[in-house]
Amino acid sequence: MSSEQKQSTSTGWGYQPELVLVHKNVLLLPMTQRILQALSSVPHKTVEGVDSFMQEARQSRQPYTQGKKILYITEHQGRVLKPCQGMCGNVSCCLYYVVDFACNCPLDCSYCLLQSYLNNPLNQVYANTDAMLAELGEELERRRDRFFRVGTGELTDSLALDRFTRLSQDLVEFFACRPNAILELKTKTIEINNLCNLNHQERTVVSWSLNTPRIIDGEETGATTLEERLQAAKLCSDWGYPVGFHFDPLVFYPGWEKEYRETVEQLFDVMHGRKIVWISMGAFRCPAGLLEILRERFPQSRLPLGELVPGVDGKLRYFRPLRVELFRNMASWIHERSPGQVMYLCMESPRVWEQVFGFRVSADDVARRLDAAIWP
């Protein structure tokens, strides 16, 4: 990659913490030293715990905003490979698995679910990555009879901290030699420099969450523009990576039809459909408690203005006919530009699938569809 290309992927995104906290147990680990070297100009402290820092953040006027200023390097405890939360509901889940190498996100999207259920507002990154990868490797080896799609973007943006951690390099190399698994890195950033020149063996999918410029500008504080994301996706595709996109959350607002259609057109003006392994769609949904947080932190947000009703999972959603209208329109616009494009719905029931695509699916059906898209 030329110096000009590297520069083009470094603008529009520049998160840097104001303070780095390091748990004493991980101070000497390679990941910790890697991060501290990258953030040598940022003050850091070795600590035995962060209760006082969390308390200070919670007592501030904007605890979530204050917490994002601190990067806490600590140790992951508990099970490494976990099923996606969709496997626990009455939805046609894609049987996705997650590995959390970090918790919380330096971006500040108004609709972020983390605001409502994480009791620690600090940005956390886990330094015991070698142990985590060893455990993951053992688990994949033990279950060689099945295929795993594994993501790292459930509790954070997969690449938002990659400039400091360079974790993507470790992960891409790890998955390149796993015959029964692929990795998906989901992001709203353009932090892709570390992905260049890696021997990925097409075992890593780099995916972007997309939305209309209106929603990006109004609801995704700190994220990069639609144009920047698409250009980064084009670069990753040129480097041989399979690329995916996620229209989630889709939002109802005056003019949504025109603006979402223009966004789909812009996507396929940059990316050829044959280079896209899958596109997901999910409508705005949230726990009831998140709406109060959203109204307080983002008073200009249009999201609380939608007609939302409780779903069977307890989350507030648009009425089913409205969701079906959203999905049908999106699917038709995508199909016009890329016939045969693999699409799927996130956190939706078999009934909604049938109303949108004309057929019902089980979780196994969705999983096989996506597995075949990446590994025919």
Protein backbone atom coordinates (compact mmCIF):
# COMPACT_ATOMS: atom_id res chain seq x y z
CA MET A 1 0.00 0.00 0.00
CA SER A 2 1.38 3.38 -0.93
CA SER A 3 1.92 6.18 1.57
CA GLU A 4 -0.95 8.04 -0.12
CA GLN A 5 -3.31 5.09 0.46
CA LYS A 6 -2.22 4.82 4.08
CA GLN A 7 -2.90 8.50 4.60
CA SER A 8 -6.33 8.16 2.99
CA THR A 9 -7.38 5.62 5.61
CA SER A 10 -6.14 7.66 8.57
CA THR A 11 -8.31 10.76 8.28
CA GLY A 12 -11.71 11.23 9.89
CA TRP A 13 -10.95 8.98 12.85
CA GLY A 14 -8.64 9.95 15.66
CA TYR A 15 -9.72 8.58 19.03
CA GLN A 16 -7.13 8.89 21.76
CA PRO A 17 -7.79 8.42 25.48
CA GLU A 18 -6.82 11.04 28.04
CA LEU A 19 -5.69 8.45 30.59
CA VAL A 20 -4.60 4.80 30.42
CA LEU A 21 -5.13 2.56 33.43
CA VAL A 22 -3.28 -0.76 33.62
CA HIS A 23 -4.26 -3.52 36.00
CA LYS A 24 -1.15 -4.71 37.80
CA ASN A 25 -1.76 -8.33 36.71
CA VAL A 26 -1.31 -7.50 33.02
CA LEU A 27 1.42 -4.87 33.17
CA LEU A 28 4.12 -7.10 31.67
CA LEU A 29 2.00 -8.79 29.01
CA PRO A 30 3.00 -8.11 25.38
CA MET A 31 -0.37 -6.53 24.49
CA THR A 32 -0.09 -4.09 27.38
CA GLN A 33 3.39 -3.04 26.34
CA ARG A 34 2.25 -2.71 22.73
CA ILE A 35 -0.56 -0.33 23.73
CA LEU A 36 1.59 1.70 26.12
CA GLN A 37 4.21 2.16 23.43
CA ALA A 38 1.59 3.34 20.94
CA LEU A 39 0.16 5.73 23.55
CA SER A 40 3.46 6.86 25.03
CA SER A 41 2.29 10.49 25.11
CA VAL A 42 -0.78 9.62 27.21
CA PRO A 43 -0.47 9.46 31.03
CA HIS A 44 -0.88 5.98 32.47
CA LYS A 45 -1.26 4.48 35.93
CA THR A 46 -0.87 0.95 37.27
CA VAL A 47 -3.87 0.06 39.43
CA GLU A 48 -5.31 -2.83 41.43
CA GLY A 49 -8.88 -1.88 40.47
CA VAL A 50 -10.90 0.92 38.92
CA ASP A 51 -13.80 1.36 41.34
CA SER A 52 -12.82 4.93 42.19
CA PHE A 53 -12.48 5.88 38.52
CA MET A 54 -15.86 4.32 37.70
CA GLN A 55 -17.44 6.13 40.64
CA GLU A 56 -15.97 9.43 39.47
CA ALA A 57 -17.27 8.85 35.95
CA ARG A 58 -20.75 7.93 37.23
CA GLN A 59 -20.92 11.08 39.33
CA SER A 60 -20.08 13.31 36.38
CA ARG A 61 -22.78 15.01 34.37
CA GLN A 62 -22.14 12.70 31.41
CA PRO A 63 -20.81 9.38 32.81
CA TYR A 64 -20.73 7.60 29.44
CA THR A 65 -18.87 10.48 27.81
CA GLN A 66 -16.46 10.74 30.73
CA GLY A 67 -15.81 6.99 30.74
CA LYS A 68 -14.76 7.01 27.10
CA LYS A 69 -11.83 9.25 27.98
CA ILE A 70 -10.21 6.41 29.94
CA LEU A 71 -8.72 3.25 28.46
CA TYR A 72 -8.47 0.42 30.96
CA ILE A 73 -6.12 -2.47 30.13
CA THR A 74 -7.15 -5.50 32.10
CA GLU A 75 -7.65 -9.27 31.93
CA HIS A 76 -10.51 -11.19 30.34
CA GLN A 77 -12.06 -13.73 32.64
CA GLY A 78 -14.59 -16.40 31.85
CA ARG A 79 -15.52 -18.25 28.72
CA VAL A 80 -13.95 -16.93 25.50
CA LEU A 81 -16.25 -18.24 22.74
CA LYS A 82 -19.92 -17.40 23.33
CA PRO A 83 -23.09 -17.63 21.24
CA CYS A 84 -24.66 -14.44 19.94
CA GLN A 85 -27.56 -13.20 22.07
CA GLY A 86 -29.90 -13.91 19.14
CA MET A 87 -29.62 -17.64 19.86
CA CYS A 88 -31.60 -17.09 23.06
CA GLY A 89 -34.67 -15.49 21.47
CA ASN A 90 -37.64 -16.35 19.26
CA VAL A 91 -35.82 -15.25 16.11
CA SER A 92 -34.16 -16.86 13.11
CA CYS A 93 -30.64 -16.35 14.40
CA CYS A 94 -27.69 -16.98 12.09
CA LEU A 95 -25.89 -19.07 14.78
CA TYR A 96 -23.13 -16.49 15.12
CA TYR A 97 -20.46 -16.69 17.82
CA VAL A 98 -18.62 -13.85 19.51
CA VAL A 99 -15.28 -13.33 21.22
CA ASP A 100 -14.90 -10.13 23.23
CA PHE A 101 -11.37 -8.75 23.18
CA ALA A 102 -12.62 -5.39 24.44
CA CYS A 103 -15.65 -3.94 26.16
CA ASN A 104 -17.30 -0.58 25.54
CA CYS A 105 -16.64 1.61 22.54
CA PRO A 106 -14.89 4.93 21.89
CA LEU A 107 -17.62 5.80 19.39
CA ASP A 108 -20.78 7.35 20.84
CA CYS A 109 -23.77 6.20 18.80
CA SER A 110 -27.07 7.35 20.30
CA TYR A 111 -28.68 3.93 19.86
CA CYS A 112 -25.83 1.90 21.39
CA LEU A 113 -27.21 -0.85 23.63
CA LEU A 114 -24.10 -0.78 25.82
CA GLN A 115 -25.41 2.38 27.49
CA SER A 116 -28.26 0.46 29.06
CA TYR A 117 -26.60 -2.68 30.39
CA LEU A 118 -22.90 -2.11 31.03
CA ASN A 119 -22.16 -0.95 34.57
CA ASN A 120 -18.61 0.05 33.67
CA PRO A 121 -18.41 3.17 31.46
CA LEU A 122 -14.66 2.85 30.87
CA ASN A 123 -13.23 1.62 27.59
CA GLN A 124 -11.71 -1.77 28.43
CA VAL A 125 -9.27 -3.81 26.38
CA TYR A 126 -8.06 -7.26 27.42
CA ALA A 127 -4.34 -7.87 27.42
CA ASN A 128 -4.31 -11.65 27.88
CA THR A 129 -4.97 -12.17 24.18
CA ASP A 130 -2.45 -15.02 23.87
CA ALA A 131 -4.33 -17.05 26.47
CA MET A 132 -7.67 -16.17 24.88
CA LEU A 133 -6.52 -17.29 21.43
CA ALA A 134 -5.08 -20.49 22.88
CA GLU A 135 -8.42 -21.32 24.47
CA LEU A 136 -10.27 -20.42 21.28
CA GLY A 137 -7.95 -22.64 19.24
CA GLU A 138 -8.60 -25.56 21.59
CA GLU A 139 -12.35 -25.05 21.31
CA LEU A 140 -12.30 -24.91 17.49
CA GLU A 141 -10.12 -28.01 17.37
CA ARG A 142 -12.41 -29.88 19.74
CA ARG A 143 -15.44 -29.06 17.59
CA ARG A 144 -14.05 -29.68 14.14
CA ASP A 145 -17.39 -31.21 13.11
CA ARG A 146 -18.99 -27.79 12.70
CA PHE A 147 -18.26 -24.43 11.07
CA PHE A 148 -18.01 -21.22 13.11
CA ARG A 149 -18.57 -17.63 12.08
CA VAL A 150 -16.91 -15.62 14.83
CA GLY A 151 -17.21 -11.88 15.40
CA THR A 152 -15.50 -9.45 17.77
CA GLY A 153 -17.94 -6.55 17.50
CA GLU A 154 -20.62 -7.37 20.07
CA LEU A 155 -19.36 -5.20 22.95
CA THR A 156 -17.20 -2.78 20.98
CA ASP A 157 -16.27 -1.73 17.46
CA SER A 158 -13.89 -4.39 16.09
CA LEU A 159 -11.32 -1.91 14.76
CA ALA A 160 -11.82 1.26 16.78
CA LEU A 161 -8.77 0.60 18.98
CA ASP A 162 -6.72 -1.27 16.40
CA ARG A 163 -4.30 1.58 15.89
CA PHE A 164 -3.06 0.95 19.45
CA THR A 165 -3.61 -2.79 19.85
CA ARG A 166 -2.84 -4.10 16.34
CA LEU A 167 -5.05 -6.99 17.44
CA SER A 168 -6.41 -7.42 13.92
CA GLN A 169 -3.02 -8.73 12.79
CA ASP A 170 -3.04 -11.43 15.46
CA LEU A 171 -6.63 -12.40 14.68
CA VAL A 172 -6.26 -12.52 10.90
CA GLU A 173 -3.20 -14.74 11.16
CA PHE A 174 -4.94 -16.96 13.73
CA PHE A 175 -8.04 -17.54 11.58
CA ALA A 176 -6.07 -17.93 8.34
CA CYS A 177 -5.18 -21.48 9.35
CA ARG A 178 -8.50 -22.54 10.94
CA PRO A 179 -10.35 -24.86 8.55
CA ASN A 180 -13.65 -24.70 10.44
CA ALA A 181 -13.94 -21.00 11.26
CA ILE A 182 -13.92 -17.52 9.80
CA LEU A 183 -13.55 -14.17 11.50
CA GLU A 184 -15.75 -11.11 10.97
CA LEU A 185 -14.49 -7.67 11.95
CA LYS A 186 -17.36 -5.15 12.16
CA THR A 187 -16.64 -1.44 12.23
CA LYS A 188 -17.82 2.10 11.60
CA THR A 189 -14.25 3.34 11.31
CA ILE A 190 -11.59 3.37 8.60
CA GLU A 191 -8.92 1.86 10.84
CA ILE A 192 -7.73 -0.70 8.28
CA ASN A 193 -4.01 -0.01 7.87
CA ASN A 194 -3.03 -3.04 9.96
CA LEU A 195 -4.96 -5.33 7.59
CA CYS A 196 -2.73 -4.55 4.63
CA ASN A 197 -0.32 -7.23 3.38
CA LEU A 198 -1.58 -9.97 5.71
CA ASN A 199 -1.85 -13.58 4.58
CA HIS A 200 -5.54 -13.74 5.42
CA GLN A 201 -6.41 -16.71 3.16
CA GLU A 202 -9.89 -15.14 2.76
CA ARG A 203 -10.73 -16.33 6.27
CA THR A 204 -11.49 -12.82 7.55
CA VAL A 205 -14.56 -10.83 6.50
CA VAL A 206 -14.27 -7.09 7.05
CA SER A 207 -17.71 -5.56 7.49
CA TRP A 208 -19.09 -2.07 7.82
CA SER A 209 -22.25 -0.86 9.47
CA LEU A 210 -23.95 1.51 7.03
CA ASN A 211 -26.71 4.07 7.30
CA THR A 212 -27.90 7.19 5.54
CA PRO A 213 -25.76 10.32 5.91
CA ARG A 214 -28.57 11.88 7.95
CA ILE A 215 -28.49 9.07 10.52
CA ILE A 216 -24.68 8.93 10.53
CA ASP A 217 -24.39 12.67 11.13
CA GLY A 218 -27.17 12.82 13.71
CA GLU A 219 -26.84 9.53 15.61
CA GLU A 220 -23.29 8.17 15.20
CA THR A 221 -21.00 10.58 17.04
CA GLY A 222 -17.34 9.94 16.33
CA ALA A 223 -17.94 7.56 13.43
CA THR A 224 -16.63 8.12 9.93
CA THR A 225 -18.74 9.20 6.97
CA LEU A 226 -20.53 6.89 4.56
CA GLU A 227 -18.06 7.80 1.81
CA GLU A 228 -15.05 7.03 4.02
CA ARG A 229 -16.45 3.64 5.03
CA LEU A 230 -17.15 2.64 1.45
CA GLN A 231 -13.69 3.66 0.29
CA ALA A 232 -12.14 1.67 3.13
CA ALA A 233 -14.27 -1.32 2.14
CA LYS A 234 -13.09 -0.97 -1.45
CA LEU A 235 -9.47 -1.01 -0.28
CA CYS A 236 -10.02 -4.15 1.81
CA SER A 237 -11.70 -5.80 -1.16
CA ASP A 238 -8.71 -4.87 -3.33
CA TRP A 239 -6.52 -6.58 -0.72
CA GLY A 240 -8.51 -9.77 -1.23
CA TYR A 241 -10.69 -9.67 1.88
CA PRO A 242 -14.32 -10.76 1.66
CA VAL A 243 -16.44 -7.74 2.56
CA GLY A 244 -19.83 -7.50 4.27
CA PHE A 245 -22.29 -4.73 5.14
CA HIS A 246 -24.87 -4.28 7.86
CA PHE A 247 -27.78 -1.86 7.53
CA ASP A 248 -28.56 -1.81 11.22
CA PRO A 249 -30.38 0.02 12.64
CA LEU A 250 -32.72 0.96 9.85
CA VAL A 251 -34.71 3.99 11.01
CA PHE A 252 -38.09 5.40 9.99
CA TYR A 253 -38.09 9.16 9.44
CA PRO A 254 -39.56 11.56 6.85
CA GLY A 255 -37.76 10.91 3.57
CA TRP A 256 -36.31 7.53 4.58
CA GLU A 257 -37.27 5.86 1.29
CA LYS A 258 -35.33 8.34 -0.83
CA GLU A 259 -32.29 8.48 1.43
CA TYR A 260 -31.94 4.74 2.02
CA ARG A 261 -32.31 4.08 -1.68
CA GLU A 262 -29.58 6.65 -2.39
CA THR A 263 -27.37 4.94 0.20
CA VAL A 264 -27.87 1.56 -1.48
CA GLU A 265 -27.03 3.14 -4.84
CA GLN A 266 -23.90 4.69 -3.37
CA LEU A 267 -22.82 1.32 -1.95
CA PHE A 268 -23.03 -0.41 -5.32
CA ASP A 269 -21.47 2.51 -7.16
CA VAL A 270 -18.34 1.77 -5.11
CA MET A 271 -18.55 -1.99 -4.54
CA HIS A 272 -19.40 -4.73 -7.04
CA GLY A 273 -21.97 -7.15 -5.68
CA ARG A 274 -19.74 -10.15 -6.39
CA LYS A 275 -17.24 -8.78 -3.87
CA ILE A 276 -19.87 -8.63 -1.08
CA VAL A 277 -20.38 -11.88 0.80
CA TRP A 278 -23.47 -10.78 2.71
CA ILE A 279 -25.67 -7.84 3.65
CA SER A 280 -27.74 -7.85 6.82
CA MET A 281 -30.71 -5.68 7.76
CA GLY A 282 -32.06 -4.89 11.20
CA ALA A 283 -34.62 -2.31 12.29
CA PHE A 284 -34.10 -0.01 15.28
CA ARG A 285 -34.82 -1.84 18.52
CA CYS A 286 -33.88 -1.16 22.11
CA PRO A 287 -34.61 -2.04 25.73
CA ALA A 288 -37.16 0.32 27.28
CA GLY A 289 -34.52 1.75 29.62
CA LEU A 290 -32.36 2.88 26.73
CA LEU A 291 -34.97 5.37 25.52
CA GLU A 292 -34.66 7.41 28.71
CA ILE A 293 -30.86 7.42 28.44
CA LEU A 294 -31.14 8.33 24.77
CA ARG A 295 -33.49 11.25 25.45
CA GLU A 296 -31.20 12.60 28.15
CA ARG A 297 -27.89 12.21 26.31
CA PHE A 298 -29.09 12.95 22.79
CA PRO A 299 -32.06 15.33 23.04
CA GLN A 300 -31.98 16.03 19.30
CA SER A 301 -32.21 12.35 18.34
CA ARG A 302 -35.12 11.34 16.15
CA LEU A 303 -35.08 7.73 17.37
CA PRO A 304 -37.51 8.10 20.32
CA LEU A 305 -40.08 9.62 17.95
CA GLY A 306 -40.81 6.32 16.20
CA GLU A 307 -43.89 4.20 16.84
CA LEU A 308 -42.32 1.59 19.10
CA VAL A 309 -44.06 -1.34 20.77
CA PRO A 310 -42.71 -4.10 23.06
CA GLY A 311 -41.66 -7.28 21.24
CA VAL A 312 -41.65 -10.82 22.57
CA ASP A 313 -38.04 -10.29 23.66
CA GLY A 314 -39.02 -7.25 25.74
CA LYS A 315 -37.28 -4.79 23.41
CA LEU A 316 -39.12 -1.89 21.85
CA ARG A 317 -39.51 -2.20 18.07
CA TYR A 318 -41.38 -0.67 15.19
CA PHE A 319 -44.73 -2.31 14.42
CA ARG A 320 -44.15 -5.44 12.37
CA PRO A 321 -45.83 -4.02 9.20
CA LEU A 322 -43.46 -1.06 9.33
CA ARG A 323 -40.43 -3.31 9.71
CA VAL A 324 -41.60 -5.47 6.82
CA GLU A 325 -41.99 -2.35 4.68
CA LEU A 326 -38.47 -1.26 5.52
CA PHE A 327 -36.96 -4.66 4.77
CA ARG A 328 -38.92 -5.23 1.56
CA ASN A 329 -37.86 -1.89 0.12
CA MET A 330 -34.23 -2.38 1.08
CA ALA A 331 -34.20 -5.91 -0.33
CA SER A 332 -35.71 -4.77 -3.63
CA TRP A 333 -33.20 -1.93 -4.03
CA ILE A 334 -30.29 -4.24 -3.22
CA HIS A 335 -31.61 -6.88 -5.62
CA GLU A 336 -31.90 -4.32 -8.43
CA ARG A 337 -28.19 -3.55 -8.18
CA SER A 338 -26.97 -7.02 -7.21
CA PRO A 339 -29.31 -9.87 -8.22
CA GLY A 340 -28.74 -12.93 -6.08
CA GLN A 341 -27.04 -10.97 -3.29
CA VAL A 342 -26.99 -12.91 -0.02
CA MET A 343 -29.14 -10.99 2.48
CA TYR A 344 -30.40 -11.81 5.93
CA LEU A 345 -32.43 -10.23 8.72
CA CYS A 346 -31.03 -9.67 12.19
CA MET A 347 -33.16 -10.48 15.23
CA GLU A 348 -36.36 -11.17 13.28
CA SER A 349 -38.88 -14.01 13.43
CA PRO A 350 -39.55 -16.64 10.73
CA ARG A 351 -42.86 -14.87 10.07
CA VAL A 352 -41.09 -11.61 9.17
CA TRP A 353 -38.66 -13.52 6.96
CA GLU A 354 -41.60 -15.02 5.09
CA GLN A 355 -43.28 -11.64 4.62
CA VAL A 356 -40.08 -10.05 3.34
CA PHE A 357 -38.49 -12.81 1.24
CA GLY A 358 -41.41 -15.16 0.63
CA PHE A 359 -40.07 -18.10 2.61
CA ARG A 360 -39.61 -19.13 6.24
CA VAL A 361 -36.22 -20.05 7.63
CA SER A 362 -34.88 -21.72 10.73
CA ALA A 363 -31.66 -20.74 12.45
CA ASP A 364 -29.93 -23.67 10.73
CA ASP A 365 -31.20 -22.45 7.34
CA VAL A 366 -29.75 -18.97 7.90
CA ALA A 367 -26.45 -20.39 9.15
CA ARG A 368 -26.07 -22.67 6.12
CA ARG A 369 -26.84 -19.74 3.81
CA LEU A 370 -24.13 -17.59 5.33
CA ASP A 371 -21.62 -20.42 5.65
CA ALA A 372 -22.01 -21.14 1.95
CA ALA A 373 -21.50 -17.46 1.09
CA ILE A 374 -18.05 -17.40 2.66
CA TRP A 375 -16.98 -21.00 2.18
CA PRO A 376 -18.92 -22.65 -0.71
